[in-house]
C-alpha atoms as a PDB file:
ATOM      1  CA  MET A   1       1.461   0.662 -14.495  1.00  0.00           C
ATOM      2  CA  GLY A   2      -1.820   1.608 -16.244  1.00  0.00           C
ATOM      3  CA  ASP A   3      -4.092   4.362 -16.131  1.00  0.00           C
ATOM      4  CA  ASP A   4      -7.101   5.228 -14.296  1.00  0.00           C
ATOM      5  CA  SER A   5      -9.768   3.950 -16.730  1.00  0.00           C
ATOM      6  CA  HIS A   6     -12.034   1.637 -16.101  1.00  0.00           C
ATOM      7  CA  SER A   7     -10.026  -1.206 -18.080  1.00  0.00           C
ATOM      8  CA  TRP A   8      -8.483  -3.580 -16.034  1.00  0.00           C
ATOM      9  CA  THR A   9      -4.539  -3.985 -15.336  1.00  0.00           C
ATOM     10  CA  ALA A  10      -2.742  -6.074 -13.302  1.00  0.00           C
ATOM     11  CA  ALA A  11      -1.633  -3.664 -11.081  1.00  0.00           C
ATOM     12  CA  PRO A  12      -3.247  -0.459  -9.458  1.00  0.00           C
ATOM     13  CA  ALA A  13      -2.555   2.822 -11.115  1.00  0.00           C
ATOM     14  CA  ALA A  14      -1.150   5.893  -8.819  1.00  0.00           C
ATOM     15  CA  ALA A  15      -3.868   7.439  -8.472  1.00  0.00           C
ATOM     16  CA  GLU A  16      -5.674   4.276  -6.957  1.00  0.00           C
ATOM     17  CA  ARG A  17      -2.930   2.946  -5.077  1.00  0.00           C
ATOM     18  CA  ALA A  18      -2.508   6.563  -3.349  1.00  0.00           C
ATOM     19  CA  ARG A  19      -5.961   6.784  -2.418  1.00  0.00           C
ATOM     20  CA  SER A  20      -5.275   3.182  -0.987  1.00  0.00           C
ATOM     21  CA  VAL A  21      -2.477   4.061   1.592  1.00  0.00           C
ATOM     22  CA  LEU A  22      -4.227   7.150   2.332  1.00  0.00           C
ATOM     23  CA  ALA A  23      -7.592   5.547   3.187  1.00  0.00           C
ATOM     24  CA  ALA A  24      -5.477   2.341   5.118  1.00  0.00           C
ATOM     25  CA  ALA A  25      -3.054   4.940   7.328  1.00  0.00           C
ATOM     26  CA  TRP A  26      -3.953   4.857  10.787  1.00  0.00           C
ATOM     27  CA  SER A  27      -0.923   8.099  11.206  1.00  0.00           C
ATOM     28  CA  CYS A  28       0.870  10.908   9.677  1.00  0.00           C
ATOM     29  CA  SER A  29       3.325  13.028   9.816  1.00  0.00           C
ATOM     30  CA  VAL A  30       2.217  16.730   9.048  1.00  0.00           C
ATOM     31  CA  THR A  31       5.285  19.281   8.442  1.00  0.00           C
ATOM     32  CA  ALA A  32       3.767  23.487   8.710  1.00  0.00           C
ATOM     33  CA  GLU A  33       5.361  26.288   9.779  1.00  0.00           C
ATOM     34  CA  GLY A  34       8.899  25.159  10.388  1.00  0.00           C
ATOM     35  CA  THR A  35       6.997  22.405  12.933  1.00  0.00           C
ATOM     36  CA  ARG A  36       6.222  18.740  12.367  1.00  0.00           C
ATOM     37  CA  GLU A  37       3.699  16.811  14.229  1.00  0.00           C
ATOM     38  CA  GLU A  38       3.180  13.467  14.586  1.00  0.00           C
ATOM     39  CA  LEU A  39      -0.795  12.409  14.040  1.00  0.00           C
ATOM     40  CA  VAL A  40      -2.568   8.829  15.597  1.00  0.00           C
ATOM     41  CA  GLY A  41      -6.265   8.453  14.527  1.00  0.00           C
ATOM     42  CA  ALA A  42      -6.285  12.101  14.422  1.00  0.00           C
ATOM     43  CA  HIS A  43      -7.470  12.604  10.599  1.00  0.00           C
ATOM     44  CA  THR A  44     -10.469  11.151   8.123  1.00  0.00           C
ATOM     45  CA  VAL A  45     -10.217  11.270   4.423  1.00  0.00           C
ATOM     46  CA  GLY A  46     -12.873  12.737   2.394  1.00  0.00           C
ATOM     47  CA  GLU A  47     -14.644  11.402  -1.029  1.00  0.00           C
ATOM     48  CA  ASP A  48     -12.520  14.103  -2.612  1.00  0.00           C
ATOM     49  CA  GLY A  49      -9.178  13.199  -1.210  1.00  0.00           C
ATOM     50  CA  ARG A  50      -9.505  16.110   1.203  1.00  0.00           C
ATOM     51  CA  VAL A  51      -7.930  15.485   4.850  1.00  0.00           C
ATOM     52  CA  TYR A  52      -9.787  16.542   7.608  1.00  0.00           C
ATOM     53  CA  VAL A  53      -7.692  16.503  11.078  1.00  0.00           C
ATOM     54  CA  ASP A  54      -8.577  16.684  14.445  1.00  0.00           C
ATOM     55  CA  VAL A  55      -6.244  18.669  16.309  1.00  0.00           C
ATOM     56  CA  PRO A  56      -5.520  20.146  19.973  1.00  0.00           C
ATOM     57  CA  GLU A  57      -6.473  23.830  20.764  1.00  0.00           C
ATOM     58  CA  ASP A  58      -2.892  24.622  21.405  1.00  0.00           C
ATOM     59  CA  SER A  59      -1.854  22.672  18.344  1.00  0.00           C
ATOM     60  CA  SER A  60       0.840  24.761  15.794  1.00  0.00           C
ATOM     61  CA  LEU A  61      -1.369  23.576  13.158  1.00  0.00           C
ATOM     62  CA  LEU A  62      -4.572  25.511  14.333  1.00  0.00           C
ATOM     63  CA  THR A  63      -2.687  28.566  15.345  1.00  0.00           C
ATOM     64  CA  ALA A  64      -0.803  28.499  11.511  1.00  0.00           C
ATOM     65  CA  ALA A  65      -3.699  27.952  10.085  1.00  0.00           C
ATOM     66  CA  ILE A  66      -6.080  30.482  11.941  1.00  0.00           C
ATOM     67  CA  CYS A  67      -3.495  33.277  11.696  1.00  0.00           C
ATOM     68  CA  ALA A  68      -2.445  32.414   7.808  1.00  0.00           C
ATOM     69  CA  PRO A  69      -3.480  34.653   5.132  1.00  0.00           C
ATOM     70  CA  ARG A  70      -5.524  33.301   2.244  1.00  0.00           C
ATOM     71  CA  GLY A  71      -4.740  29.572   1.111  1.00  0.00           C
ATOM     72  CA  GLU A  72      -1.683  29.213   3.660  1.00  0.00           C
ATOM     73  CA  PRO A  73      -0.059  28.127   5.798  1.00  0.00           C
ATOM     74  CA  SER A  74       1.837  24.930   2.955  1.00  0.00           C
ATOM     75  CA  ALA A  75       2.052  22.031   4.849  1.00  0.00           C
ATOM     76  CA  VAL A  76       3.119  18.734   3.656  1.00  0.00           C
ATOM     77  CA  LEU A  77       1.332  15.478   4.788  1.00  0.00           C
ATOM     78  CA  GLU A  78       3.379  12.338   4.863  1.00  0.00           C
ATOM     79  CA  PHE A  79       1.655   8.896   4.870  1.00  0.00           C
ATOM     80  CA  ALA A  80       3.735   5.328   5.465  1.00  0.00           C
ATOM     81  CA  ASP A  81       2.092   2.331   3.867  1.00  0.00           C
ATOM     82  CA  VAL A  82       3.454  -0.914   6.341  1.00  0.00           C
ATOM     83  CA  ALA A  83       3.164  -4.379   5.316  1.00  0.00           C
ATOM     84  CA  PRO A  84       0.916  -6.051   7.721  1.00  0.00           C
ATOM     85  CA  VAL A  85       3.370  -9.251   7.650  1.00  0.00           C
ATOM     86  CA  PRO A  86       6.740  -9.191   9.574  1.00  0.00           C
ATOM     87  CA  VAL A  87       9.178  -8.957   6.474  1.00  0.00           C
ATOM     88  CA  GLY A  88      12.335  -6.803   6.016  1.00  0.00           C
ATOM     89  CA  ASN A  89      12.038  -3.267   5.107  1.00  0.00           C
ATOM     90  CA  ARG A  90       8.180  -3.065   5.381  1.00  0.00           C
ATOM     91  CA  ILE A  91       7.424   0.027   3.896  1.00  0.00           C
ATOM     92  CA  ARG A  92       5.734  -0.611   0.743  1.00  0.00           C
ATOM     93  CA  ALA A  93       5.307   2.977  -0.120  1.00  0.00           C
ATOM     94  CA  ARG A  94       5.435   6.793   1.191  1.00  0.00           C
ATOM     95  CA  LEU A  95       2.530   9.137   0.249  1.00  0.00           C
ATOM     96  CA  TRP A  96       3.432  13.058   0.172  1.00  0.00           C
ATOM     97  CA  LEU A  97       0.513  15.393   0.127  1.00  0.00           C
ATOM     98  CA  ALA A  98       1.373  19.176  -0.452  1.00  0.00           C
ATOM     99  CA  GLY A  99      -0.858  21.643   0.246  1.00  0.00           C
ATOM    100  CA  TRP A 100      -2.974  24.078   2.497  1.00  0.00           C
ATOM    101  CA  PHE A 101      -4.764  23.558   6.039  1.00  0.00           C
ATOM    102  CA  ALA A 102      -7.974  25.473   6.444  1.00  0.00           C
ATOM    103  CA  VAL A 103     -10.060  25.943   9.831  1.00  0.00           C
ATOM    104  CA  GLU A 104     -13.787  23.801   9.427  1.00  0.00           C
ATOM    105  CA  GLY A 105     -15.821  24.035  12.484  1.00  0.00           C
ATOM    106  CA  GLU A 106     -13.689  22.101  15.169  1.00  0.00           C
ATOM    107  CA  ARG A 107     -11.059  20.292  12.751  1.00  0.00           C
ATOM    108  CA  LEU A 108      -8.373  21.441  10.081  1.00  0.00           C
ATOM    109  CA  ALA A 109      -9.614  20.616   6.005  1.00  0.00           C
ATOM    110  CA  PHE A 110      -6.226  20.505   3.962  1.00  0.00           C
ATOM    111  CA  THR A 111      -6.873  20.538   0.146  1.00  0.00           C
ATOM    112  CA  PRO A 112      -3.524  18.931  -1.729  1.00  0.00           C
ATOM    113  CA  THR A 113      -2.351  20.835  -4.377  1.00  0.00           C
ATOM    114  CA  ARG A 114       0.682  18.354  -5.371  1.00  0.00           C
ATOM    115  CA  VAL A 115       0.623  14.417  -4.719  1.00  0.00           C
ATOM    116  CA  VAL A 116       3.651  12.461  -5.138  1.00  0.00           C
ATOM    117  CA  LEU A 117       3.520   8.488  -4.445  1.00  0.00           C
ATOM    118  CA  ARG A 118       6.738   6.665  -4.158  1.00  0.00           C
ATOM    119  CA  ARG A 119       7.046   3.022  -4.515  1.00  0.00           C
ATOM    120  CA  PRO A 120      10.216   0.623  -4.395  1.00  0.00           C
ATOM    121  CA  SER A 121       9.735   1.243  -8.833  1.00  0.00           C
ATOM    122  CA  GLY A 122      10.666   4.751  -8.195  1.00  0.00           C
ATOM    123  CA  SER A 123       8.420   8.354  -7.716  1.00  0.00           C
ATOM    124  CA  VAL A 124       5.266   9.453  -9.642  1.00  0.00           C
ATOM    125  CA  VAL A 125       3.389  12.895  -9.446  1.00  0.00           C
ATOM    126  CA  VAL A 126      -0.026  11.606  -9.343  1.00  0.00           C
ATOM    127  CA  ASP A 127      -2.448  14.234 -11.129  1.00  0.00           C
ATOM    128  CA  LEU A 128      -4.595  15.848  -8.786  1.00  0.00           C
ATOM    129  CA  ASP A 129      -7.966  15.502 -10.592  1.00  0.00           C
ATOM    130  CA  GLU A 130      -7.112  11.332 -11.492  1.00  0.00           C
ATOM    131  CA  PHE A 131      -6.265  11.614  -7.356  1.00  0.00           C
ATOM    132  CA  ALA A 132      -9.623  13.367  -6.260  1.00  0.00           C
ATOM    133  CA  ALA A 133     -11.670  10.611  -8.511  1.00  0.00           C
ATOM    134  CA  ALA A 134      -9.792   7.571  -7.724  1.00  0.00           C
ATOM    135  CA  VAL A 135     -11.423   5.314  -4.653  1.00  0.00           C
ATOM    136  CA  PRO A 136      -9.106   3.164  -2.549  1.00  0.00           C
ATOM    137  CA  ASP A 137      -9.041  -0.659  -3.479  1.00  0.00           C
ATOM    138  CA  PRO A 138     -12.151  -2.649  -2.026  1.00  0.00           C
ATOM    139  CA  LEU A 139      -9.443  -4.889  -0.089  1.00  0.00           C
ATOM    140  CA  THR A 140      -7.596  -2.287   1.457  1.00  0.00           C
ATOM    141  CA  THR A 141      -9.168  -2.244   4.533  1.00  0.00           C
ATOM    142  CA  ALA A 142      -9.300  -6.264   4.684  1.00  0.00           C
ATOM    143  CA  GLU A 143      -5.986  -6.292   3.619  1.00  0.00           C
ATOM    144  CA  ALA A 144      -4.139  -6.584   6.834  1.00  0.00           C
ATOM    145  CA  ARG A 145      -6.532  -9.013   8.337  1.00  0.00           C
ATOM    146  CA  LEU A 146      -6.062 -11.181   5.069  1.00  0.00           C
ATOM    147  CA  LEU A 147      -2.731 -11.289   4.303  1.00  0.00           C
ATOM    148  CA  THR A 148      -1.673 -11.870   8.311  1.00  0.00           C
ATOM    149  CA  HIS A 149      -4.216 -14.935   7.760  1.00  0.00           C
ATOM    150  CA  LEU A 150      -2.135 -16.074   5.162  1.00  0.00           C
ATOM    151  CA  ALA A 151       0.554 -15.791   6.457  1.00  0.00           C
ATOM    152  CA  ASP A 152       0.001 -17.466   9.760  1.00  0.00           C
ATOM    153  CA  CYS A 153      -2.560 -20.112   9.522  1.00  0.00           C
ATOM    154  CA  HIS A 154      -1.626 -21.024   5.199  1.00  0.00           C
ATOM    155  CA  ALA A 155       2.150 -21.049   4.670  1.00  0.00           C
ATOM    156  CA  ASP A 156       1.563 -24.165   2.670  1.00  0.00           C
ATOM    157  CA  ALA A 157      -0.452 -22.458   0.503  1.00  0.00           C
ATOM    158  CA  VAL A 158       2.214 -19.286  -0.465  1.00  0.00           C
ATOM    159  CA  GLU A 159       5.413 -22.202  -0.483  1.00  0.00           C
ATOM    160  CA  ARG A 160       2.759 -23.453  -3.139  1.00  0.00           C
ATOM    161  CA  LEU A 161       2.262 -20.596  -4.741  1.00  0.00           C
ATOM    162  CA  THR A 162       6.034 -20.064  -5.105  1.00  0.00           C
ATOM    163  CA  ARG A 163       5.672 -23.045  -8.357  1.00  0.00           C
ATOM    164  CA  LEU A 164       4.039 -19.698 -10.096  1.00  0.00           C
ATOM    165  CA  VAL A 165       7.405 -17.891  -9.512  1.00  0.00           C
ATOM    166  CA  ASP A 166       9.919 -18.588 -12.014  1.00  0.00           C
ATOM    167  CA  SER A 167      13.109 -20.316 -10.429  1.00  0.00           C
ATOM    168  CA  GLU A 168      15.529 -17.683 -10.967  1.00  0.00           C
ATOM    169  CA  SER A 169      13.652 -15.668  -8.610  1.00  0.00           C
ATOM    170  CA  LEU A 170      13.847 -17.878  -5.866  1.00  0.00           C
ATOM    171  CA  HIS A 171      17.382 -18.082  -6.136  1.00  0.00           C
ATOM    172  CA  ARG A 172      19.157 -17.955  -2.726  1.00  0.00           C
ATOM    173  CA  ALA A 173      15.264 -17.788  -0.929  1.00  0.00           C
ATOM    174  CA  VAL A 174      15.241 -18.429   2.355  1.00  0.00           C
ATOM    175  CA  ARG A 175      11.670 -16.895   3.192  1.00  0.00           C
ATOM    176  CA  VAL A 176       8.862 -16.376   1.100  1.00  0.00           C
ATOM    177  CA  GLN A 177       6.073 -14.303   2.819  1.00  0.00           C
ATOM    178  CA  PRO A 178       3.176 -12.722   1.427  1.00  0.00           C
ATOM    179  CA  LEU A 179       3.606  -8.737   0.885  1.00  0.00           C
ATOM    180  CA  ALA A 180       0.380  -7.267  -0.457  1.00  0.00           C
ATOM    181  CA  VAL A 181      -2.975  -7.864  -2.158  1.00  0.00           C
ATOM    182  CA  ASP A 182      -5.150  -6.131  -4.020  1.00  0.00           C
ATOM    183  CA  ARG A 183      -8.138  -6.613  -6.602  1.00  0.00           C
ATOM    184  CA  HIS A 184      -5.331  -7.054  -9.035  1.00  0.00           C
ATOM    185  CA  GLY A 185      -3.422  -9.434  -7.673  1.00  0.00           C
ATOM    186  CA  LEU A 186      -0.840 -10.753  -4.851  1.00  0.00           C
ATOM    187  CA  THR A 187       2.558 -10.249  -4.094  1.00  0.00           C
ATOM    188  CA  LEU A 188       5.092 -12.076  -2.541  1.00  0.00           C
ATOM    189  CA  ARG A 189       8.295 -10.867  -1.175  1.00  0.00           C
ATOM    190  CA  ILE A 190      11.259 -13.217  -1.683  1.00  0.00           C
ATOM    191  CA  GLU A 191      13.959 -12.902   1.510  1.00  0.00           C
ATOM    192  CA  ARG A 192      17.335 -13.299   1.281  1.00  0.00           C
ATOM    193  CA  ALA A 193      19.918 -13.402   3.341  1.00  0.00           C
ATOM    194  CA  ARG A 194      21.314 -10.142   2.187  1.00  0.00           C
ATOM    195  CA  THR A 195      18.531  -9.001  -0.264  1.00  0.00           C
ATOM    196  CA  HIS A 196      15.217  -9.264  -1.394  1.00  0.00           C
ATOM    197  CA  GLY A 197      12.721  -9.219  -4.227  1.00  0.00           C
ATOM    198  CA  ASP A 198       9.344  -8.764  -4.782  1.00  0.00           C
ATOM    199  CA  VAL A 199       7.098 -10.852  -7.295  1.00  0.00           C
ATOM    200  CA  ARG A 200       3.693 -10.171  -8.472  1.00  0.00           C
ATOM    201  CA  LEU A 201       0.976 -12.728  -9.410  1.00  0.00           C
ATOM    202  CA  ALA A 202      -1.993 -11.040 -11.053  1.00  0.00           C
ATOM    203  CA  PHE A 203      -5.413 -12.304 -10.836  1.00  0.00           C
ATOM    204  CA  HIS A 204      -7.135 -13.787 -14.597  1.00  0.00           C
ATOM    205  CA  ALA A 205      -9.751 -10.945 -13.349  1.00  0.00           C
ATOM    206  CA  PRO A 206     -10.552  -8.352 -10.527  1.00  0.00           C
ATOM    207  CA  ALA A 207     -11.537  -9.152  -7.182  1.00  0.00           C
ATOM    208  CA  ASP A 208     -14.059  -6.581  -5.961  1.00  0.00           C
ATOM    209  CA  ASP A 209     -14.919  -8.245  -2.744  1.00  0.00           C
ATOM    210  CA  VAL A 210     -13.409 -10.679   0.034  1.00  0.00           C
ATOM    211  CA  ALA A 211     -15.642 -14.034  -1.669  1.00  0.00           C
ATOM    212  CA  GLN A 212     -14.055 -12.767  -5.083  1.00  0.00           C
ATOM    213  CA  LEU A 213     -10.729 -12.790  -3.937  1.00  0.00           C
ATOM    214  CA  THR A 214     -11.244 -16.024  -2.471  1.00  0.00           C
ATOM    215  CA  GLU A 215     -12.157 -17.476  -5.799  1.00  0.00           C
ATOM    216  CA  ARG A 216      -9.426 -15.577  -7.348  1.00  0.00           C
ATOM    217  CA  MET A 217      -6.847 -17.486  -4.691  1.00  0.00           C
ATOM    218  CA  HIS A 218      -8.347 -20.980  -5.478  1.00  0.00           C
ATOM    219  CA  ILE A 219      -7.786 -20.335  -9.259  1.00  0.00           C
ATOM    220  CA  LEU A 220      -3.941 -19.349  -8.211  1.00  0.00           C
ATOM    221  CA  LEU A 221      -3.190 -22.400  -5.898  1.00  0.00           C
ATOM    222  CA  SER A 222      -5.101 -24.585  -8.236  1.00  0.00           C
ATOM    223  CA  GLN A 223      -2.376 -23.442 -11.197  1.00  0.00           C
ATOM    224  CA  ALA A 224       0.467 -24.125  -8.454  1.00  0.00           C
ATOM    225  CA  SER A 225      -0.683 -27.360  -7.888  1.00  0.00           C
ATOM    226  CA  ALA A 226      -0.032 -28.270 -11.329  1.00  0.00           C
ATOM    227  CA  ALA A 227       3.124 -26.598 -11.806  1.00  0.00           C
ATOM    228  CA  SER A 228       6.073 -28.417 -10.627  1.00  0.00           C
ATOM    229  CA  CYS A 229       8.057 -27.145  -7.591  1.00  0.00           C
ATOM    230  CA  PRO A 230      10.929 -24.512  -8.574  1.00  0.00           C
ATOM    231  CA  ARG A 231      14.347 -26.706  -8.705  1.00  0.00           C
ATOM    232  CA  ALA A 232      15.995 -23.515  -6.666  1.00  0.00           C
ATOM    233  CA  LEU A 233      13.136 -24.151  -3.785  1.00  0.00           C
ATOM    234  CA  GLN A 234      13.860 -27.853  -4.093  1.00  0.00           C
ATOM    235  CA  ARG A 235      18.020 -27.514  -3.242  1.00  0.00           C
ATOM    236  CA  GLN A 236      17.012 -24.823  -1.133  1.00  0.00           C
ATOM    237  CA  ARG A 237      14.833 -27.240   1.620  1.00  0.00           C
ATOM    238  CA  THR A 238      17.378 -30.321   0.584  1.00  0.00           C
ATOM    239  CA  ASP A 239      21.000 -28.555   1.273  1.00  0.00           C
ATOM    240  CA  GLY A 240      19.681 -25.103   3.278  1.00  0.00           C
ATOM    241  CA  ASP A 241      21.396 -22.925   0.342  1.00  0.00           C
ATOM    242  CA  GLY A 242      20.518 -19.241   2.019  1.00  0.00           C
END
């Protein structure tokens, strides 16, 4: 998947992906001292990846943090990366941060000591220094809006992009939806009757803002227009193969 060097790769490195999940998440689950709390809209993220949590005065997390000895209690924060477009199995990744809470003013500051990112391809332990130094993908906060617009208003463009997918991957496809986009490329979800698969269309160069993303998408669509329609998809439209 590449590393966190400055060289461009066709997919985000693990540390960048982890920071993107953290930046986009609106809620998280916190397990500490034998209790579990679901927090919604209660956390912010520092530039170094530390998580700051606003909790009620009667929260068991606050009590545990105040009463704990140095560097304790141990806690685990879990974040889910959910696809904004409705598809089967919408969880694209999960992020676990293990570490400890400390009281800072009226909020809790969480310092991670272990970072684990789980994607469909498997789990990876993210280096703590790389995690602290990484920044979220620049399209993270715009991704949900961009993907839902693509799915709702430009279904014809999504279908055209399937011309860039090899016909074997489209075998018995019943629907294709945009699953994810980042500065490195666009991922399509190929849905079948009982299974699914994901196909990534890499950009020729990274897109660091929405204007650059628009240009990268136009290039992909131009390439798709020049390609022939996959036979598998032609058969699907002709005989309803699913």
